Amino acid sequence: IALLLAGCGRGSRFEEPKLPLPPVSDTGVEEGVFYQVDYGFCFPAPSKWLFPKVVGDQEADEVARFTDKARESYFRLFVRHADPDQKFSAEDWFESKVKDWTDRDYKVKKREDGRDLSAGGSGTWASSLFHVTDPQRADWTVREWVLPKGDLILGARISMPARITDKPEGKALLDGAEAGLSKVAWRMPVGPRGISLERY
């Protein structure tokens, strides 16, 4: 476990998904580190965020979700398989999110270019910021990140009420998520992409 924590903690660098294996067989937080075991990535559990064990309304491609204590803001992680015949485009990824929201009767009022976020040897997260109104006319600030890795595309999203975006609690939630994403590292998955659950 100590080796794993060192690999996903402060100053971690990308490592190919070999041993050591994650110390858990289910996605979750262990010893201050979040592990997504199906795809084999991990990062320090983001401060100010809680990881619920059961999520009943997951979106397509969603593989994990965090919430704030008030359960008003959400930090979601997504994985999609890359098209081997098409060059990855972060712009296309963000535009697909706009289409998803429009199809669900959300209104995108404004989009801003986000700052790139380094993930060390794992690459660089591209980012974009959206100001969105939901069907109930509530205003949200949504920040999207995307990181291609081999045959996978890893996405992350924070959705928070617009009224807290510029307040200390909103900034603390963003800082906690970015601190985790900047330390993302990769390990052997448990399941079809890696070691079988029986062998594990």
Protein backbone atom coordinates (compact mmCIF):
# COMPACT_ATOMS: atom_id res chain seq x y z
CA ILE A 1 0.00 0.00 0.00
CA ALA A 2 2.83 2.39 0.80
CA LEU A 3 4.19 2.05 -2.73
CA LEU A 4 0.78 2.81 -4.17
CA LEU A 5 0.31 5.88 -2.03
CA ALA A 6 3.71 7.16 -3.07
CA GLY A 7 2.76 6.60 -6.73
CA CYS A 8 -0.50 8.55 -6.49
CA GLY A 9 0.55 11.21 -4.01
CA ARG A 10 2.52 14.40 -4.09
CA GLY A 11 5.10 14.57 -6.87
CA SER A 12 3.89 11.35 -8.54
CA ARG A 13 4.87 10.63 -12.13
CA PHE A 14 3.18 8.52 -14.76
CA GLU A 15 3.92 4.81 -14.60
CA GLU A 16 2.74 2.13 -17.00
CA PRO A 17 -0.02 -0.03 -15.50
CA LYS A 18 2.10 -2.83 -14.02
CA LEU A 19 2.41 -3.98 -10.42
CA PRO A 20 1.72 -2.99 -7.70
CA LEU A 21 -2.01 -3.57 -7.91
CA PRO A 22 -4.52 -1.34 -6.16
CA PRO A 23 -5.25 -2.47 -2.57
CA VAL A 24 -9.01 -2.54 -3.28
CA SER A 25 -11.17 -4.58 -5.64
CA ASP A 26 -13.90 -1.92 -5.87
CA THR A 27 -13.69 1.71 -6.94
CA GLY A 28 -13.41 4.00 -3.93
CA VAL A 29 -11.15 5.85 -1.51
CA GLU A 30 -8.50 3.95 0.43
CA GLU A 31 -5.96 5.57 2.76
CA GLY A 32 -6.58 9.00 1.26
CA VAL A 33 -6.28 7.86 -2.37
CA PHE A 34 -9.12 7.47 -4.88
CA TYR A 35 -8.88 4.33 -7.07
CA GLN A 36 -10.92 3.61 -10.20
CA VAL A 37 -10.17 -0.09 -10.51
CA ASP A 38 -11.94 -0.89 -13.81
CA TYR A 39 -9.62 1.42 -15.77
CA GLY A 40 -6.68 1.50 -13.36
CA PHE A 41 -6.27 5.20 -12.55
CA CYS A 42 -5.87 6.86 -9.18
CA PHE A 43 -5.17 10.22 -7.57
CA PRO A 44 -5.17 11.73 -4.06
CA ALA A 45 -8.75 11.95 -2.80
CA PRO A 46 -9.83 15.56 -3.42
CA SER A 47 -10.23 17.62 -0.28
CA LYS A 48 -13.68 19.10 0.47
CA TRP A 49 -15.34 16.30 -1.53
CA LEU A 50 -17.18 13.16 -0.33
CA PHE A 51 -17.32 9.87 -2.25
CA PRO A 52 -20.81 8.29 -2.05
CA LYS A 53 -20.82 4.50 -2.26
CA VAL A 54 -24.08 4.29 -4.22
CA VAL A 55 -25.07 6.55 -7.11
CA GLY A 56 -28.49 5.93 -8.60
CA ASP A 57 -28.52 8.38 -11.51
CA GLN A 58 -25.16 7.94 -13.24
CA GLU A 59 -24.68 9.54 -16.63
CA ALA A 60 -23.45 7.69 -19.71
CA ASP A 61 -19.71 6.91 -19.41
CA GLU A 62 -19.68 8.08 -15.76
CA VAL A 63 -17.36 5.92 -13.63
CA ALA A 64 -17.24 7.84 -10.33
CA ARG A 65 -18.84 10.79 -8.56
CA PHE A 66 -18.00 12.99 -5.58
CA THR A 67 -20.28 15.49 -3.85
CA ASP A 68 -19.77 18.36 -1.44
CA LYS A 69 -21.11 18.09 2.12
CA ALA A 70 -24.30 19.95 1.18
CA ARG A 71 -24.79 17.66 -1.85
CA GLU A 72 -25.22 20.73 -4.05
CA SER A 73 -22.04 20.43 -6.09
CA TYR A 74 -20.81 17.41 -8.02
CA PHE A 75 -17.41 16.21 -9.25
CA ARG A 76 -17.84 13.49 -11.86
CA LEU A 77 -15.35 11.31 -13.74
CA PHE A 78 -16.00 9.83 -17.17
CA VAL A 79 -14.21 7.30 -19.35
CA ARG A 80 -14.79 6.83 -23.05
CA HIS A 81 -13.00 4.56 -25.51
CA ALA A 82 -11.17 6.55 -28.17
CA ASP A 83 -11.95 6.04 -31.83
CA PRO A 84 -8.74 4.53 -33.29
CA ASP A 85 -9.55 6.01 -36.70
CA GLN A 86 -10.04 9.57 -35.48
CA LYS A 87 -7.53 12.00 -34.02
CA PHE A 88 -8.54 13.18 -30.56
CA SER A 89 -9.77 16.77 -30.30
CA ALA A 90 -10.46 18.46 -26.97
CA GLU A 91 -12.63 20.99 -28.81
CA ASP A 92 -14.82 18.19 -30.17
CA TRP A 93 -15.12 16.77 -26.64
CA PHE A 94 -16.32 20.09 -25.24
CA GLU A 95 -18.71 20.65 -28.12
CA SER A 96 -20.22 17.21 -27.50
CA LYS A 97 -20.96 18.30 -23.93
CA VAL A 98 -22.81 21.36 -25.21
CA LYS A 99 -24.91 19.09 -27.42
CA ASP A 100 -25.63 16.75 -24.47
CA TRP A 101 -26.89 19.68 -22.37
CA THR A 102 -28.98 21.08 -25.20
CA ASP A 103 -30.59 17.68 -25.74
CA ARG A 104 -31.54 17.67 -22.04
CA ASP A 105 -33.10 21.16 -22.22
CA TYR A 106 -30.18 22.94 -20.54
CA LYS A 107 -29.19 26.37 -21.87
CA VAL A 108 -25.50 27.17 -22.25
CA LYS A 109 -25.36 30.91 -21.68
CA LYS A 110 -21.61 31.36 -22.03
CA ARG A 111 -18.45 29.35 -22.61
CA GLU A 112 -14.96 30.42 -21.60
CA ASP A 113 -11.60 28.85 -22.39
CA GLY A 114 -10.16 27.17 -19.32
CA ARG A 115 -6.56 26.93 -18.25
CA ASP A 116 -4.68 23.72 -19.01
CA LEU A 117 -3.82 21.59 -16.00
CA SER A 118 -0.58 19.60 -15.98
CA ALA A 119 -0.77 16.00 -14.84
CA GLY A 120 2.99 15.46 -14.91
CA GLY A 121 4.02 12.42 -16.93
CA SER A 122 0.37 11.51 -17.54
CA GLY A 123 -0.10 14.47 -19.89
CA THR A 124 -2.12 17.67 -19.73
CA TRP A 125 -5.80 18.16 -18.99
CA ALA A 126 -7.53 20.53 -21.44
CA SER A 127 -10.25 22.59 -19.76
CA SER A 128 -13.29 24.70 -20.56
CA LEU A 129 -15.73 26.66 -18.38
CA PHE A 130 -19.49 26.85 -19.02
CA HIS A 131 -22.27 28.94 -17.52
CA VAL A 132 -25.43 26.85 -17.74
CA THR A 133 -29.11 27.17 -16.81
CA ASP A 134 -31.00 23.94 -16.06
CA PRO A 135 -34.64 23.19 -16.99
CA GLN A 136 -35.74 24.52 -13.56
CA ARG A 137 -33.98 27.83 -14.39
CA ALA A 138 -31.25 27.34 -11.79
CA ASP A 139 -27.84 28.71 -12.82
CA TRP A 140 -24.75 26.52 -12.68
CA THR A 141 -21.03 26.92 -13.28
CA VAL A 142 -19.59 23.84 -14.96
CA ARG A 143 -15.88 23.21 -15.49
CA GLU A 144 -14.89 20.38 -17.82
CA TRP A 145 -11.49 18.70 -18.17
CA VAL A 146 -10.40 16.04 -20.65
CA LEU A 147 -7.23 13.93 -20.86
CA PRO A 148 -6.50 11.37 -23.62
CA LYS A 149 -4.51 8.27 -22.60
CA GLY A 150 -3.87 5.53 -25.11
CA ASP A 151 -7.18 3.99 -26.15
CA LEU A 152 -9.06 5.86 -23.42
CA ILE A 153 -10.34 9.40 -22.94
CA LEU A 154 -10.64 10.47 -19.32
CA GLY A 155 -13.04 13.31 -18.57
CA ALA A 156 -13.83 15.20 -15.37
CA ARG A 157 -16.53 17.72 -14.53
CA ILE A 158 -17.40 19.99 -11.63
CA SER A 159 -20.97 21.30 -11.49
CA MET A 160 -21.69 23.84 -8.77
CA PRO A 161 -24.43 26.41 -8.15
CA ALA A 162 -23.42 29.72 -9.73
CA ARG A 163 -24.05 31.54 -6.44
CA ILE A 164 -21.04 29.84 -4.76
CA THR A 165 -18.60 29.86 -7.68
CA ASP A 166 -16.67 32.93 -6.54
CA LYS A 167 -17.13 32.33 -2.81
CA PRO A 168 -14.51 30.63 -0.61
CA GLU A 169 -16.40 27.33 -0.56
CA GLY A 170 -16.62 27.24 -4.34
CA LYS A 171 -12.94 28.04 -4.80
CA ALA A 172 -11.99 25.39 -2.21
CA LEU A 173 -13.98 22.74 -4.12
CA LEU A 174 -12.26 23.67 -7.38
CA ASP A 175 -8.81 23.69 -5.77
CA GLY A 176 -9.40 20.27 -4.22
CA ALA A 177 -10.47 18.74 -7.52
CA GLU A 178 -7.57 20.24 -9.47
CA ALA A 179 -5.06 19.09 -6.85
CA GLY A 180 -6.28 15.51 -7.32
CA LEU A 181 -6.45 15.61 -11.12
CA SER A 182 -2.92 17.02 -11.35
CA LYS A 183 -1.60 13.86 -9.63
CA VAL A 184 -3.44 11.26 -11.70
CA ALA A 185 -1.45 8.04 -12.16
CA TRP A 186 -2.17 4.64 -13.69
CA ARG A 187 -2.09 1.09 -12.31
CA MET A 188 -3.09 -2.40 -13.39
CA PRO A 189 -6.91 -2.49 -13.70
CA VAL A 190 -9.00 -5.19 -12.05
CA GLY A 191 -11.37 -6.76 -14.57
CA PRO A 192 -11.45 -7.21 -18.37
CA ARG A 193 -8.69 -4.65 -19.01
CA GLY A 194 -6.29 -6.16 -16.45
CA ILE A 195 -6.10 -8.92 -13.89
CA SER A 196 -9.25 -10.96 -13.36
CA LEU A 197 -11.15 -10.54 -10.09
CA GLU A 198 -10.63 -14.26 -9.42
CA ARG A 199 -6.83 -13.99 -9.72
CA TYR A 200 -6.85 -10.73 -7.73
